[in-house]
Amino acid sequence: MLFKLFMLFFLTPLIELALLLKVSQYVGVFNTVMIVVITALLGAALAKSQGLSILFKIRREVMEGRPPGNSLLDGVLILAGGIVLLTPGLLTDALGFLLLIPVTRQFIREQVKKQLQRQIDRKRFRWRG
């Protein structure tokens, strides 16, 4: 697990840097920086609107006496998308937008639920509370 985290935090910035350098060769440094800034601003606005929407949906489901399972997972995915969008880069921006767009987020949510269910079935998921 520690090795996977190390590789994630080591390889991701290297890949992002290489991609940003390559893009800047084609569109220029200023345009590359503007792409990163604009995607961050658009991502922040989208994260805010999607986050508020999910918050109201969770509140409505609780008021109606329904468990907000999918909505809570959507909220976690929106939070993750917003955090990833804060990281400068093009790949992380793409991942962040995928987590913020409702259609793609729904697909990702279902994949996360399947993965969690597999871990529970294999008794690899342990709650230490």
Protein backbone atom coordinates (compact mmCIF):
# COMPACT_ATOMS: atom_id res chain seq x y z
CA MET A 1 0.00 0.00 0.00
CA LEU A 2 2.80 2.40 0.90
CA PHE A 3 4.55 1.60 -2.38
CA LYS A 4 1.36 2.34 -4.34
CA LEU A 5 0.97 5.70 -2.60
CA PHE A 6 4.60 6.54 -3.22
CA MET A 7 4.26 5.71 -6.90
CA LEU A 8 1.04 7.74 -7.12
CA PHE A 9 2.65 10.83 -5.59
CA PHE A 10 5.88 10.34 -7.50
CA LEU A 11 4.67 9.32 -10.96
CA THR A 12 1.63 11.59 -11.24
CA PRO A 13 3.60 14.86 -11.00
CA LEU A 14 6.23 13.55 -13.42
CA ILE A 15 3.62 12.56 -15.99
CA GLU A 16 1.82 15.88 -15.52
CA LEU A 17 5.06 17.83 -15.97
CA ALA A 18 5.95 15.93 -19.14
CA LEU A 19 2.46 16.48 -20.53
CA LEU A 20 2.48 20.20 -19.69
CA LEU A 21 5.89 20.60 -21.34
CA LYS A 22 4.70 18.78 -24.46
CA VAL A 23 1.50 20.85 -24.69
CA SER A 24 3.48 24.06 -24.20
CA GLN A 25 5.61 23.14 -27.23
CA TYR A 26 2.47 23.16 -29.38
CA VAL A 27 0.42 26.02 -27.94
CA GLY A 28 3.02 28.04 -26.03
CA VAL A 29 3.76 28.52 -22.36
CA PHE A 30 1.23 31.31 -21.78
CA ASN A 31 -1.61 29.36 -23.40
CA THR A 32 -0.70 26.25 -21.43
CA VAL A 33 -0.79 28.20 -18.16
CA MET A 34 -4.11 29.75 -19.16
CA ILE A 35 -5.56 26.29 -19.88
CA VAL A 36 -4.58 25.17 -16.37
CA VAL A 37 -5.98 28.34 -14.77
CA ILE A 38 -9.25 28.26 -16.72
CA THR A 39 -9.85 24.58 -16.00
CA ALA A 40 -9.21 25.24 -12.30
CA LEU A 41 -11.74 28.10 -12.27
CA LEU A 42 -14.36 26.14 -14.22
CA GLY A 43 -13.74 23.11 -12.02
CA ALA A 44 -14.16 25.13 -8.83
CA ALA A 45 -17.47 26.55 -10.07
CA LEU A 46 -18.69 23.11 -11.13
CA ALA A 47 -17.58 21.53 -7.84
CA LYS A 48 -19.44 24.21 -5.90
CA SER A 49 -22.67 23.82 -7.85
CA GLN A 50 -22.55 20.01 -7.82
CA GLY A 51 -21.62 19.96 -4.14
CA LEU A 52 -24.52 22.21 -3.18
CA SER A 53 -26.88 20.16 -5.32
CA ILE A 54 -25.82 16.94 -3.60
CA LEU A 55 -26.02 18.58 -0.18
CA PHE A 56 -29.64 19.58 -0.82
CA LYS A 57 -30.39 16.10 -2.18
CA ILE A 58 -28.92 14.45 0.94
CA ARG A 59 -30.92 16.81 3.15
CA ARG A 60 -34.13 16.03 1.24
CA GLU A 61 -33.54 12.26 1.44
CA VAL A 62 -32.92 12.43 5.20
CA MET A 63 -36.05 14.57 5.71
CA GLU A 64 -38.05 11.97 3.77
CA GLY A 65 -36.64 9.19 5.94
CA ARG A 66 -34.60 7.55 3.17
CA PRO A 67 -30.94 6.59 3.61
CA PRO A 68 -28.75 8.83 1.40
CA GLY A 69 -26.26 6.10 0.37
CA ASN A 70 -25.70 6.99 -3.29
CA SER A 71 -25.88 10.70 -2.55
CA LEU A 72 -23.22 10.40 0.16
CA LEU A 73 -20.93 8.53 -2.22
CA ASP A 74 -21.62 11.19 -4.85
CA GLY A 75 -20.60 13.81 -2.29
CA VAL A 76 -17.31 12.00 -1.64
CA LEU A 77 -16.64 11.76 -5.38
CA ILE A 78 -17.41 15.46 -5.86
CA LEU A 79 -15.05 16.32 -3.01
CA ALA A 80 -12.36 14.13 -4.58
CA GLY A 81 -12.96 15.78 -7.96
CA GLY A 82 -12.62 19.24 -6.44
CA ILE A 83 -9.39 18.28 -4.68
CA VAL A 84 -7.93 16.75 -7.83
CA LEU A 85 -8.81 19.89 -9.80
CA LEU A 86 -6.71 21.94 -7.39
CA THR A 87 -3.66 20.02 -8.57
CA PRO A 88 -2.16 21.80 -11.58
CA GLY A 89 -2.10 19.51 -14.58
CA LEU A 90 -4.09 18.22 -17.48
CA LEU A 91 -4.58 14.57 -16.52
CA THR A 92 -5.69 15.46 -13.00
CA ASP A 93 -8.05 18.08 -14.45
CA ALA A 94 -9.58 15.46 -16.74
CA LEU A 95 -10.06 13.09 -13.79
CA GLY A 96 -11.53 15.90 -11.70
CA PHE A 97 -14.05 16.80 -14.40
CA LEU A 98 -15.01 13.13 -14.81
CA LEU A 99 -15.82 13.05 -11.09
CA LEU A 100 -17.88 16.26 -11.30
CA ILE A 101 -20.00 15.48 -14.36
CA PRO A 102 -23.13 13.62 -13.17
CA VAL A 103 -23.21 11.00 -15.97
CA THR A 104 -19.58 9.95 -15.58
CA ARG A 105 -19.75 10.26 -11.79
CA GLN A 106 -22.67 7.81 -11.75
CA PHE A 107 -20.60 5.27 -13.69
CA ILE A 108 -17.60 5.76 -11.38
CA ARG A 109 -19.88 5.52 -8.32
CA GLU A 110 -21.19 2.14 -9.47
CA GLN A 111 -17.63 0.90 -10.05
CA VAL A 112 -16.60 2.07 -6.56
CA LYS A 113 -19.63 0.32 -5.05
CA LYS A 114 -18.72 -2.92 -6.85
CA GLN A 115 -15.12 -2.68 -5.63
CA LEU A 116 -16.22 -2.03 -2.06
CA GLN A 117 -18.65 -4.97 -2.23
CA ARG A 118 -15.86 -7.24 -3.49
CA GLN A 119 -13.62 -6.18 -0.62
CA ILE A 120 -16.40 -6.78 1.90
CA ASP A 121 -17.15 -10.20 0.37
CA ARG A 122 -13.46 -11.14 0.60
CA LYS A 123 -13.33 -9.79 4.15
CA ARG A 124 -10.57 -7.35 3.21
CA PHE A 125 -12.58 -4.35 4.33
CA ARG A 126 -12.27 -3.93 8.07
CA TRP A 127 -13.86 -1.15 10.05
CA ARG A 128 -11.75 0.04 12.95
CA GLY A 129 -13.84 2.51 14.82
